[in-house]
Amino acid sequence: MTGHSKLQRRRFMSAAAATGVLAPTLVRAQTAPPVGDWPNKPVRFVCGYAAGGLTDLFARLAAEHLTNKYGKTFVVENKTGAGSIIAADMVAKAAPDGYTILFTNSTAMFQNQVIFKNVPYDTAKDFIPVSMLSAGKVPLCIHKSVPGGNDLTALVAYAKTNKTSFGTTGIGSLAHVFCMKLNDTFGINMEPVHYRGEAPMWADLSAGVTQAACSTLQGATSAIQAGNARPVAVPTKTRSRRLPEVATFFEQGATHPYFLLESMVCCVAPTGTPAPIVEALSAGMVEMNSEPRMSEFVDKFGLDNGAQGRADFAAFIRDMGPLLTQAVKDLNIEPQ
């Protein structure tokens, strides 16, 4: 099966503890042999986002697994700010020796080049792909006050005769792209409202401050379960296994390729990191998929699959990266 086909079918400690994903585990009786003399000291996983999100939890699962595997310490350091630019720049300038690794997401890898005037790193030149985790099928939800059913027709009909605000997780995010492309597709004029994170965005949707919003299924769950929001569409050609009754954008006439855009969280190493170390890191993360807590993590966040290796990550960069970058360019954003 090709990497492309695999791609198509696929809050902090309290949430993790509730599912057991970070439950203590015993170190294996026999640790794996090191790769050459690596690791012979602690390995830093620099995470560009705050604790509790998908990127951070992916890093912590990987750190625990690899600590057990090698009997050496893998530690997560959260370096937040500027859309992960601070963390990415730090790792890009780090020695490529396998001891400083970056955990970030697709925005930092692709969209930041368009959103910001001066990005001090070049993802294509400064990083080597290690592993990625699909962020899943992000649901578009509408407030309960919007009349109609659980489909795009309800949102479009409302937006044609009412001022409609659409919550996003930031300029250039998938939600921003979806909002503007829905405007183009259906001849409506929804206004994007950008938030610094999911929590305030979903809080405003639940309160009816905005009429639509789009981000992760995990973030939307509370609003949906409380009856304040209802999902009306998911991107990609296949339905979400957690929301099988919700039709895709494509099924509802939104057939532009941008409605197939996917986001992900990922792990990259500085260019020049020895290939055996990159391979060991990648293989170690894929190994996590066989652990029960990883299965619980994937299910809780509504993901289609677990960690993918460097080959699948490279395919994502090749196939999805240009689309993500171009979609943001099409927004005609004034770089910050």
Protein backbone atom coordinates (compact mmCIF):
# COMPACT_ATOMS: atom_id res chain seq x y z
CA MET A 1 0.00 0.00 0.00
CA THR A 2 1.37 3.40 -0.90
CA GLY A 3 2.03 6.14 1.62
CA HIS A 4 -0.64 8.24 -0.08
CA SER A 5 -3.34 5.63 0.30
CA LYS A 6 -2.42 5.16 3.94
CA LEU A 7 -2.85 8.85 4.49
CA GLN A 8 -6.29 8.81 2.99
CA ARG A 9 -7.67 6.10 5.28
CA ARG A 10 -6.68 7.26 8.71
CA ARG A 11 -6.58 18.83 26.82
CA PHE A 12 -3.16 18.01 29.43
CA MET A 13 -2.46 15.27 31.90
CA SER A 14 -6.08 14.87 32.95
CA ALA A 15 -7.16 13.89 29.50
CA ALA A 16 -4.19 11.62 29.05
CA ALA A 17 -4.59 10.02 32.44
CA ALA A 18 -8.26 9.42 31.77
CA THR A 19 -7.38 7.23 28.83
CA GLY A 20 -4.27 5.76 30.40
CA VAL A 21 -2.03 6.93 27.58
CA LEU A 22 0.56 8.22 30.03
CA ALA A 23 0.09 5.56 32.67
CA PRO A 24 3.34 4.31 34.23
CA THR A 25 4.91 1.31 32.60
CA LEU A 26 7.76 -0.92 33.59
CA VAL A 27 11.02 -0.51 31.74
CA ARG A 28 11.65 -3.56 29.63
CA ALA A 29 13.85 -6.16 31.22
CA GLN A 30 16.22 -5.90 28.27
CA THR A 31 16.66 -2.53 26.60
CA ALA A 32 17.41 -2.24 22.93
CA PRO A 33 21.05 -1.81 21.95
CA PRO A 34 22.13 1.74 21.19
CA VAL A 35 22.75 2.97 17.65
CA GLY A 36 26.53 3.28 17.75
CA ASP A 37 27.01 5.23 20.98
CA TRP A 38 23.60 6.93 20.66
CA PRO A 39 21.92 7.59 23.02
CA ASN A 40 24.51 8.01 25.75
CA LYS A 41 22.93 11.11 27.30
CA PRO A 42 19.41 12.59 27.56
CA VAL A 43 17.62 13.30 24.31
CA ARG A 44 15.53 16.49 24.16
CA PHE A 45 12.20 16.48 22.37
CA VAL A 46 11.53 20.20 21.81
CA CYS A 47 7.78 20.75 21.38
CA GLY A 48 6.60 23.95 19.76
CA TYR A 49 3.20 23.89 21.44
CA ALA A 50 1.83 23.94 24.98
CA ALA A 51 1.24 20.87 27.11
CA GLY A 52 -1.99 19.01 26.56
CA GLY A 53 -2.41 19.31 22.82
CA LEU A 54 -2.00 16.64 20.20
CA THR A 55 1.60 17.59 19.36
CA ASP A 56 2.67 17.55 23.02
CA LEU A 57 0.97 14.25 23.80
CA PHE A 58 2.53 12.63 20.74
CA ALA A 59 5.94 13.79 21.96
CA ARG A 60 5.32 12.48 25.48
CA LEU A 61 4.18 9.09 24.28
CA ALA A 62 7.27 8.84 22.11
CA ALA A 63 9.56 10.00 24.93
CA GLU A 64 8.21 7.39 27.33
CA HIS A 65 8.37 4.62 24.77
CA LEU A 66 11.94 5.40 23.73
CA THR A 67 13.08 5.84 27.35
CA ASN A 68 11.83 2.32 27.99
CA LYS A 69 13.31 1.01 24.77
CA TYR A 70 16.84 2.33 25.25
CA GLY A 71 17.06 2.73 29.02
CA LYS A 72 18.12 6.35 28.49
CA THR A 73 16.17 9.53 29.21
CA PHE A 74 14.06 11.16 26.51
CA VAL A 75 12.53 14.39 27.84
CA VAL A 76 9.95 16.79 26.40
CA GLU A 77 10.61 20.53 26.59
CA ASN A 78 7.77 22.86 25.59
CA LYS A 79 9.09 25.95 23.81
CA THR A 80 5.98 27.82 22.76
CA GLY A 81 5.41 31.02 20.85
CA ALA A 82 5.22 32.47 17.34
CA GLY A 83 3.44 29.51 15.82
CA SER A 84 6.22 27.09 16.77
CA ILE A 85 8.87 29.28 15.11
CA ILE A 86 10.86 29.62 18.35
CA ALA A 87 11.10 25.87 18.81
CA ALA A 88 11.78 25.17 15.14
CA ASP A 89 14.54 27.76 14.95
CA MET A 90 16.16 26.32 18.08
CA VAL A 91 16.24 22.82 16.67
CA ALA A 92 17.30 23.93 13.19
CA LYS A 93 20.38 25.52 14.76
CA ALA A 94 21.10 22.59 17.10
CA ALA A 95 23.92 20.13 16.53
CA PRO A 96 22.66 17.33 14.24
CA ASP A 97 23.69 14.60 16.65
CA GLY A 98 20.33 13.04 17.54
CA TYR A 99 20.01 14.74 20.92
CA THR A 100 17.75 17.66 19.96
CA ILE A 101 14.60 16.73 18.05
CA LEU A 102 11.58 18.85 17.10
CA PHE A 103 7.90 18.02 17.55
CA THR A 104 5.66 20.44 15.67
CA ASN A 105 2.79 20.43 13.17
CA SER A 106 1.89 21.09 9.57
CA THR A 107 1.35 24.82 10.15
CA ALA A 108 4.96 25.28 11.21
CA MET A 109 6.18 23.06 8.40
CA PHE A 110 4.24 24.66 5.55
CA GLN A 111 1.90 27.58 6.30
CA ASN A 112 4.33 29.65 8.40
CA GLN A 113 6.36 30.43 5.31
CA VAL A 114 3.36 32.42 4.02
CA ILE A 115 1.89 33.74 7.28
CA PHE A 116 5.09 35.35 8.60
CA LYS A 117 7.49 37.76 6.87
CA ASN A 118 10.68 36.43 8.36
CA VAL A 119 10.84 32.74 9.16
CA PRO A 120 14.39 31.93 10.34
CA TYR A 121 14.34 28.35 9.12
CA ASP A 122 13.70 26.52 5.88
CA THR A 123 11.79 23.32 6.51
CA ALA A 124 12.95 21.73 3.26
CA LYS A 125 16.62 22.42 3.96
CA ASP A 126 16.90 22.41 7.74
CA PHE A 127 14.95 19.30 8.75
CA ILE A 128 14.76 15.58 8.02
CA PRO A 129 11.36 13.88 8.38
CA VAL A 130 11.21 11.26 11.14
CA SER A 131 7.58 10.46 11.95
CA MET A 132 4.11 11.96 11.69
CA LEU A 133 0.67 11.51 13.18
CA SER A 134 -2.42 12.53 11.26
CA ALA A 135 -4.57 15.05 13.15
CA GLY A 136 -7.63 13.19 11.93
CA LYS A 137 -10.72 14.43 10.20
CA VAL A 138 -11.49 17.83 11.70
CA PRO A 139 -15.25 18.41 11.96
CA LEU A 140 -16.97 21.61 10.91
CA CYS A 141 -19.60 22.35 13.57
CA ILE A 142 -22.45 24.85 13.73
CA HIS A 143 -24.23 26.36 16.74
CA LYS A 144 -27.51 24.83 17.82
CA SER A 145 -29.33 28.07 16.96
CA VAL A 146 -28.68 27.57 13.25
CA PRO A 147 -31.87 25.99 11.92
CA GLY A 148 -31.90 22.93 9.72
CA GLY A 149 -30.23 19.55 9.79
CA ASN A 150 -26.76 18.18 10.29
CA ASP A 151 -25.39 19.24 6.93
CA LEU A 152 -23.82 22.10 5.05
CA THR A 153 -27.20 23.12 3.63
CA ALA A 154 -28.19 24.45 7.05
CA LEU A 155 -25.07 26.61 7.35
CA VAL A 156 -25.24 27.91 3.80
CA ALA A 157 -28.93 28.80 4.07
CA TYR A 158 -28.31 30.63 7.35
CA ALA A 159 -25.27 32.51 6.01
CA LYS A 160 -27.21 33.77 3.00
CA THR A 161 -29.56 35.80 5.18
CA ASN A 162 -27.64 36.32 8.46
CA LYS A 163 -24.29 37.67 9.58
CA THR A 164 -22.25 34.53 10.19
CA SER A 165 -18.99 34.27 12.11
CA PHE A 166 -16.70 31.29 11.61
CA GLY A 167 -14.23 30.43 14.39
CA THR A 168 -10.72 29.30 13.44
CA THR A 169 -7.59 28.39 15.39
CA GLY A 170 -5.57 31.07 13.63
CA ILE A 171 -4.71 32.84 10.42
CA GLY A 172 -3.84 30.29 7.76
CA SER A 173 -5.30 27.36 9.66
CA LEU A 174 -7.35 24.71 7.91
CA ALA A 175 -10.49 26.27 9.39
CA HIS A 176 -9.55 29.61 7.82
CA VAL A 177 -9.06 27.95 4.45
CA PHE A 178 -12.35 26.05 4.73
CA CYS A 179 -14.26 29.21 5.68
CA MET A 180 -13.05 31.22 2.71
CA LYS A 181 -13.43 28.37 0.23
CA LEU A 182 -16.98 27.71 1.43
CA ASN A 183 -17.67 31.39 0.76
CA ASP A 184 -16.38 31.00 -2.78
CA THR A 185 -18.18 27.72 -3.40
CA PHE A 186 -21.64 28.70 -2.17
CA GLY A 187 -21.64 32.48 -2.71
CA ILE A 188 -21.83 33.39 0.96
CA ASN A 189 -19.84 35.79 3.14
CA MET A 190 -18.93 34.19 6.45
CA GLU A 191 -16.40 36.16 8.49
CA PRO A 192 -13.43 34.26 9.96
CA VAL A 193 -12.75 34.94 13.64
CA HIS A 194 -9.25 33.86 14.65
CA TYR A 195 -8.44 32.45 18.10
CA ARG A 196 -5.15 31.53 19.77
CA GLY A 197 -6.38 28.07 20.59
CA GLU A 198 -9.27 25.64 20.49
CA ALA A 199 -10.65 26.18 24.01
CA PRO A 200 -11.77 29.81 23.56
CA MET A 201 -12.96 29.07 20.04
CA TRP A 202 -15.26 26.23 21.12
CA ALA A 203 -16.39 28.24 24.18
CA ASP A 204 -17.57 31.04 21.90
CA LEU A 205 -19.32 28.62 19.56
CA SER A 206 -21.06 26.96 22.51
CA ALA A 207 -22.23 30.39 23.69
CA GLY A 208 -23.47 31.34 20.24
CA VAL A 209 -20.92 34.13 19.82
CA THR A 210 -19.94 32.45 16.56
CA GLN A 211 -22.16 30.32 14.39
CA ALA A 212 -19.57 27.90 13.01
CA ALA A 213 -16.13 26.59 13.94
CA CYS A 214 -13.72 23.92 12.85
CA SER A 215 -10.87 22.09 14.56
CA THR A 216 -10.09 18.72 16.13
CA LEU A 217 -12.76 16.23 17.09
CA GLN A 218 -11.32 16.01 20.60
CA GLY A 219 -11.72 19.78 21.01
CA ALA A 220 -15.26 19.73 19.65
CA THR A 221 -16.50 16.79 21.72
CA SER A 222 -17.66 18.75 24.79
CA ALA A 223 -19.66 21.23 22.71
CA ILE A 224 -21.23 18.41 20.72
CA GLN A 225 -22.09 16.29 23.77
CA ALA A 226 -23.60 19.32 25.55
CA GLY A 227 -25.88 19.84 22.58
CA ASN A 228 -24.48 23.29 21.84
CA ALA A 229 -22.97 22.32 18.52
CA ARG A 230 -23.60 19.82 15.81
CA PRO A 231 -21.10 18.58 13.24
CA VAL A 232 -22.11 19.10 9.62
CA ALA A 233 -19.07 18.12 7.52
CA VAL A 234 -15.64 16.51 7.64
CA PRO A 235 -12.80 16.91 5.14
CA THR A 236 -11.30 14.17 2.97
CA LYS A 237 -13.15 11.66 0.85
CA THR A 238 -13.91 9.16 3.60
CA ARG A 239 -16.09 9.76 6.63
CA SER A 240 -14.71 9.89 10.15
CA ARG A 241 -15.04 6.56 11.94
CA ARG A 242 -16.00 8.53 15.07
CA LEU A 243 -18.67 10.52 13.21
CA PRO A 244 -19.89 8.10 10.55
CA GLU A 245 -23.24 9.86 10.21
CA VAL A 246 -21.60 13.15 9.18
CA ALA A 247 -21.11 13.57 5.45
CA THR A 248 -17.86 14.81 3.94
CA PHE A 249 -17.50 18.16 2.23
CA PHE A 250 -17.22 16.30 -1.07
CA GLU A 251 -20.50 14.49 -0.55
CA GLN A 252 -22.18 17.87 -0.08
CA GLY A 253 -20.92 19.60 -3.20
CA ALA A 254 -17.76 21.18 -1.77
CA THR A 255 -15.39 19.43 -4.16
CA HIS A 256 -12.43 21.80 -4.40
CA PRO A 257 -9.13 20.02 -3.60
CA TYR A 258 -8.66 22.27 -0.58
CA PHE A 259 -11.51 20.38 1.11
CA LEU A 260 -9.17 17.37 1.07
CA LEU A 261 -6.47 19.15 3.04
CA GLU A 262 -5.16 17.30 6.06
CA SER A 263 -3.20 18.49 9.05
CA MET A 264 -0.72 16.52 11.10
CA VAL A 265 1.71 16.66 13.97
CA CYS A 266 5.21 15.49 13.38
CA CYS A 267 8.76 14.82 14.49
CA VAL A 268 11.75 16.11 12.53
CA ALA A 269 15.50 16.10 13.12
CA PRO A 270 18.08 18.71 12.10
CA THR A 271 19.57 18.08 8.68
CA GLY A 272 22.82 16.19 9.04
CA THR A 273 21.55 13.88 11.78
CA PRO A 274 23.07 10.45 11.05
CA ALA A 275 20.71 8.24 9.06
CA PRO A 276 20.88 5.30 11.53
CA ILE A 277 19.64 7.59 14.32
CA VAL A 278 16.82 8.96 12.18
CA GLU A 279 15.82 5.42 11.25
CA ALA A 280 15.92 4.31 14.90
CA LEU A 281 13.73 7.23 15.99
CA SER A 282 11.26 6.61 13.19
CA ALA A 283 11.05 2.88 13.82
CA GLY A 284 10.66 3.46 17.56
CA MET A 285 7.66 5.70 17.06
CA VAL A 286 5.98 3.25 14.72
CA GLU A 287 6.57 0.53 17.33
CA MET A 288 4.34 2.50 19.71
CA ASN A 289 1.33 1.54 17.61
CA SER A 290 1.35 -1.95 19.09
CA GLU A 291 0.93 -0.63 22.64
CA PRO A 292 -2.58 -0.49 24.16
CA ARG A 293 -2.17 3.09 25.36
CA MET A 294 -1.36 4.23 21.83
CA SER A 295 -4.52 2.55 20.58
CA GLU A 296 -6.47 4.32 23.31
CA PHE A 297 -4.85 7.63 22.37
CA VAL A 298 -5.70 7.21 18.70
CA ASP A 299 -9.29 6.29 19.53
CA LYS A 300 -9.76 9.15 22.01
CA PHE A 301 -8.63 11.73 19.49
CA GLY A 302 -10.61 10.16 16.66
CA LEU A 303 -7.55 9.48 14.51
CA ASP A 304 -7.51 7.04 11.64
CA ASN A 305 -4.18 5.44 12.52
CA GLY A 306 -1.15 5.78 14.73
CA ALA A 307 2.37 7.03 14.16
CA GLN A 308 3.66 6.73 10.62
CA GLY A 309 7.28 6.31 9.64
CA ARG A 310 9.59 8.54 7.67
CA ALA A 311 8.57 7.13 4.27
CA ASP A 312 4.89 7.96 4.79
CA PHE A 313 5.88 11.36 6.23
CA ALA A 314 7.96 12.07 3.13
CA ALA A 315 4.93 11.18 0.97
CA PHE A 316 2.78 13.63 2.98
CA ILE A 317 5.35 16.36 2.45
CA ARG A 318 5.41 15.64 -1.27
CA ASP A 319 1.65 15.35 -1.83
CA MET A 320 0.03 17.53 0.82
CA GLY A 321 2.72 20.14 1.54
CA PRO A 322 2.36 22.14 -1.70
CA LEU A 323 -1.44 22.20 -1.35
CA LEU A 324 -1.25 23.45 2.24
CA THR A 325 1.17 26.20 1.25
CA GLN A 326 -0.79 27.26 -1.83
CA ALA A 327 -4.09 27.28 0.08
CA VAL A 328 -2.67 29.87 2.47
CA LYS A 329 -1.22 31.91 -0.39
CA ASP A 330 -4.69 32.00 -1.92
CA LEU A 331 -6.00 33.68 1.22
CA ASN A 332 -3.96 36.77 0.26
CA ILE A 333 -2.82 37.21 3.83
CA GLU A 334 -0.64 40.20 4.68
CA PRO A 335 2.43 38.52 6.25
CA GLN A 336 2.84 39.32 9.92
